[in-house]
Structure formats: structure tokens, C-alpha cells
Amino acid sequence: MKKAATHTPRRATRRTRWSAAVGRSSNALDLKPGIFTQRSARAIAASLKRSALASHRRKSEPFRSAMSMLSYQINRGGRGLTRERRRTLERAKDELRRLFHRRAPSRARR
């Protein structure tokens, strides 16, 4: 008979998550509050583009900064994102590529 997997608790001494600190102190972009809570992928992408073009804090080109911030948000949500929310954010990536006139990378078939 197999033993049930035991779960080791994480350290309780951390008060804030590293990802929250990155979001607050990152030099990637100056974002409008609530940008990722919008329901439309097009609205998210348009807002990211505006922020990327206007920001003086970014270190790389506007497209890369905007795409990095969007990927960060998706990864930060992890398993906590609903399927619908993840789909919207993934569509925002495609919309962002369209707004910056970039081609989508070739995707491997599953």
C-alpha cells in the first residue's frame, strides 16, 4: 500500500510574495491601474501599447516590454486563473502582436 503524499508547508515568515514586489517596483512599464481586469483582449492590448509607448521607465523596446508584462501577469496568475481569463489574456498577446505589426511565433502542434 502506498503512503499518501505529504505536503510540506511553505515558510510562513514571508509576508508578501516576490511577484507582488516585482509588480510594484519593476522598471518595465508605468501601467494604468486595473489594466488586466478589463474583459476585452483588444482593450488590454491597446492599453499595454499606450503604456509601453509612453513609459520612460522601460529598458527595452515597447513591444518587448508590453509582451513581457502580459506574460508576467499570466504566469503570476498561474493555476488561479480561470480558463476564460487565461484565454482572454492569451488573446491579448495575439492582439498586441497585431497592434505592433508582429508575426505570431510558429507554434508546435500538440
C-alpha atoms as a PDB file:
ATOM      1  CA  MET A   1       0.000   0.000   0.000  1.00  0.00           C
ATOM      2  CA  LYS A   2       1.342   3.432  -0.948  1.00  0.00           C
ATOM      3  CA  LYS A   3       1.648   6.244   1.514  1.00  0.00           C
ATOM      4  CA  ALA A   4      -0.278   9.409   0.826  1.00  0.00           C
ATOM      5  CA  ALA A   5       1.929  12.241  -0.381  1.00  0.00           C
ATOM      6  CA  THR A   6       2.698  14.628   2.413  1.00  0.00           C
ATOM      7  CA  HIS A   7       2.623  18.316   1.780  1.00  0.00           C
ATOM      8  CA  THR A   8       5.350  20.368   3.351  1.00  0.00           C
ATOM      9  CA  PRO A   9       4.120  23.810   4.305  1.00  0.00           C
ATOM     10  CA  ARG A  10       5.880  26.817   2.862  1.00  0.00           C
ATOM     11  CA  ARG A  11       7.681  29.222   5.070  1.00  0.00           C
ATOM     12  CA  ALA A  12       5.159  31.392   6.849  1.00  0.00           C
ATOM     13  CA  THR A  13       7.702  34.131   7.512  1.00  0.00           C
ATOM     14  CA  ARG A  14       7.223  35.716   4.097  1.00  0.00           C
ATOM     15  CA  ARG A  15       4.640  38.425   4.291  1.00  0.00           C
ATOM     16  CA  THR A  16       4.479  39.434   0.638  1.00  0.00           C
ATOM     17  CA  ARG A  17       5.055  37.435  -2.471  1.00  0.00           C
ATOM     18  CA  TRP A  18       8.045  38.238  -4.647  1.00  0.00           C
ATOM     19  CA  SER A  19       5.737  38.623  -7.629  1.00  0.00           C
ATOM     20  CA  ALA A  20       3.826  41.429  -5.925  1.00  0.00           C
ATOM     21  CA  ALA A  21       7.087  43.232  -5.201  1.00  0.00           C
ATOM     22  CA  VAL A  22       8.125  42.894  -8.841  1.00  0.00           C
ATOM     23  CA  GLY A  23       4.817  44.363  -9.968  1.00  0.00           C
ATOM     24  CA  ARG A  24       5.257  47.383  -7.715  1.00  0.00           C
ATOM     25  CA  SER A  25       8.933  48.126  -8.238  1.00  0.00           C
ATOM     26  CA  SER A  26       9.595  46.917 -11.768  1.00  0.00           C
ATOM     27  CA  ASN A  27      11.037  49.334 -14.273  1.00  0.00           C
ATOM     28  CA  ALA A  28       9.244  47.575 -17.092  1.00  0.00           C
ATOM     29  CA  LEU A  29       6.289  49.932 -17.593  1.00  0.00           C
ATOM     30  CA  ASP A  30       4.091  52.541 -15.969  1.00  0.00           C
ATOM     31  CA  LEU A  31       0.713  50.815 -16.195  1.00  0.00           C
ATOM     32  CA  LYS A  32      -2.758  52.197 -15.790  1.00  0.00           C
ATOM     33  CA  PRO A  33      -4.403  50.667 -12.692  1.00  0.00           C
ATOM     34  CA  GLY A  34      -6.821  47.841 -13.459  1.00  0.00           C
ATOM     35  CA  ILE A  35      -5.457  47.181 -16.929  1.00  0.00           C
ATOM     36  CA  PHE A  36      -5.551  43.384 -16.532  1.00  0.00           C
ATOM     37  CA  THR A  37      -9.058  43.319 -15.113  1.00  0.00           C
ATOM     38  CA  GLN A  38     -10.583  44.528 -18.378  1.00  0.00           C
ATOM     39  CA  ARG A  39     -12.736  41.936 -20.114  1.00  0.00           C
ATOM     40  CA  SER A  40     -11.688  42.646 -23.692  1.00  0.00           C
ATOM     41  CA  ALA A  41      -8.395  41.317 -25.069  1.00  0.00           C
ATOM     42  CA  ARG A  42      -8.337  44.235 -27.505  1.00  0.00           C
ATOM     43  CA  ALA A  43      -8.708  46.772 -24.681  1.00  0.00           C
ATOM     44  CA  ILE A  44      -5.912  45.132 -22.666  1.00  0.00           C
ATOM     45  CA  ALA A  45      -3.582  45.110 -25.679  1.00  0.00           C
ATOM     46  CA  ALA A  46      -4.388  48.713 -26.619  1.00  0.00           C
ATOM     47  CA  SER A  47      -3.771  49.902 -23.072  1.00  0.00           C
ATOM     48  CA  LEU A  48      -0.480  47.997 -22.885  1.00  0.00           C
ATOM     49  CA  LYS A  49       0.622  49.535 -26.177  1.00  0.00           C
ATOM     50  CA  ARG A  50      -0.221  53.047 -24.980  1.00  0.00           C
ATOM     51  CA  SER A  51       1.619  52.457 -21.720  1.00  0.00           C
ATOM     52  CA  ALA A  52       4.653  50.966 -23.443  1.00  0.00           C
ATOM     53  CA  LEU A  53       4.964  53.831 -25.902  1.00  0.00           C
ATOM     54  CA  ALA A  54       4.502  56.496 -23.227  1.00  0.00           C
ATOM     55  CA  SER A  55       6.653  54.933 -20.498  1.00  0.00           C
ATOM     56  CA  HIS A  56      10.104  56.310 -19.788  1.00  0.00           C
ATOM     57  CA  ARG A  57      10.865  53.536 -17.281  1.00  0.00           C
ATOM     58  CA  ARG A  58      11.135  50.684 -19.768  1.00  0.00           C
ATOM     59  CA  LYS A  59      14.529  49.267 -20.652  1.00  0.00           C
ATOM     60  CA  SER A  60      13.768  47.569 -23.963  1.00  0.00           C
ATOM     61  CA  GLU A  61      11.648  48.356 -26.993  1.00  0.00           C
ATOM     62  CA  PRO A  62       7.926  48.984 -26.403  1.00  0.00           C
ATOM     63  CA  PHE A  63       6.691  45.693 -27.877  1.00  0.00           C
ATOM     64  CA  ARG A  64       9.020  43.591 -25.726  1.00  0.00           C
ATOM     65  CA  SER A  65       8.131  45.499 -22.568  1.00  0.00           C
ATOM     66  CA  ALA A  66       4.399  45.168 -23.191  1.00  0.00           C
ATOM     67  CA  MET A  67       4.620  41.470 -24.059  1.00  0.00           C
ATOM     68  CA  SER A  68       6.817  40.796 -21.021  1.00  0.00           C
ATOM     69  CA  MET A  69       4.333  42.455 -18.703  1.00  0.00           C
ATOM     70  CA  LEU A  70       1.462  40.466 -20.197  1.00  0.00           C
ATOM     71  CA  SER A  71       3.378  37.176 -19.885  1.00  0.00           C
ATOM     72  CA  TYR A  72       4.328  38.057 -16.327  1.00  0.00           C
ATOM     73  CA  GLN A  73       0.668  38.621 -15.470  1.00  0.00           C
ATOM     74  CA  ILE A  74      -0.341  35.265 -16.986  1.00  0.00           C
ATOM     75  CA  ASN A  75       2.447  33.413 -15.182  1.00  0.00           C
ATOM     76  CA  ARG A  76       1.726  35.198 -11.915  1.00  0.00           C
ATOM     77  CA  GLY A  77      -1.919  34.118 -12.098  1.00  0.00           C
ATOM     78  CA  GLY A  78      -0.818  30.523 -12.575  1.00  0.00           C
ATOM     79  CA  ARG A  79      -3.430  27.932 -11.742  1.00  0.00           C
ATOM     80  CA  GLY A  80      -5.564  30.567 -10.072  1.00  0.00           C
ATOM     81  CA  LEU A  81      -6.645  31.972 -13.443  1.00  0.00           C
ATOM     82  CA  THR A  82      -9.922  30.711 -14.771  1.00  0.00           C
ATOM     83  CA  ARG A  83      -9.902  29.139 -18.213  1.00  0.00           C
ATOM     84  CA  GLU A  84     -11.841  32.112 -19.591  1.00  0.00           C
ATOM     85  CA  ARG A  85      -9.458  34.662 -18.053  1.00  0.00           C
ATOM     86  CA  ARG A  86      -6.375  32.838 -19.342  1.00  0.00           C
ATOM     87  CA  ARG A  87      -7.937  32.682 -22.808  1.00  0.00           C
ATOM     88  CA  THR A  88      -8.611  36.428 -22.735  1.00  0.00           C
ATOM     89  CA  LEU A  89      -5.033  37.208 -21.712  1.00  0.00           C
ATOM     90  CA  GLU A  90      -3.631  34.834 -24.363  1.00  0.00           C
ATOM     91  CA  ARG A  91      -5.829  36.557 -26.964  1.00  0.00           C
ATOM     92  CA  ALA A  92      -4.440  39.874 -25.727  1.00  0.00           C
ATOM     93  CA  LYS A  93      -0.978  38.602 -26.715  1.00  0.00           C
ATOM     94  CA  ASP A  94      -2.180  37.968 -30.260  1.00  0.00           C
ATOM     95  CA  GLU A  95      -3.869  41.365 -30.326  1.00  0.00           C
ATOM     96  CA  LEU A  96      -0.686  43.033 -29.068  1.00  0.00           C
ATOM     97  CA  ARG A  97       1.294  41.394 -31.877  1.00  0.00           C
ATOM     98  CA  ARG A  98      -1.270  42.684 -34.357  1.00  0.00           C
ATOM     99  CA  LEU A  99      -1.104  46.228 -32.965  1.00  0.00           C
ATOM    100  CA  PHE A 100       2.699  46.247 -33.217  1.00  0.00           C
ATOM    101  CA  HIS A 101       2.625  44.598 -36.675  1.00  0.00           C
ATOM    102  CA  ARG A 102       4.482  41.488 -35.494  1.00  0.00           C
ATOM    103  CA  ARG A 103       4.003  37.960 -36.705  1.00  0.00           C
ATOM    104  CA  ALA A 104       2.932  35.268 -34.277  1.00  0.00           C
ATOM    105  CA  PRO A 105       5.683  32.747 -33.495  1.00  0.00           C
ATOM    106  CA  SER A 106       5.261  29.321 -35.021  1.00  0.00           C
ATOM    107  CA  ARG A 107       3.522  27.066 -32.539  1.00  0.00           C
ATOM    108  CA  ALA A 108       4.295  23.395 -32.169  1.00  0.00           C
ATOM    109  CA  ARG A 109       1.341  21.089 -32.697  1.00  0.00           C
ATOM    110  CA  ARG A 110       0.227  19.031 -29.748  1.00  0.00           C
END
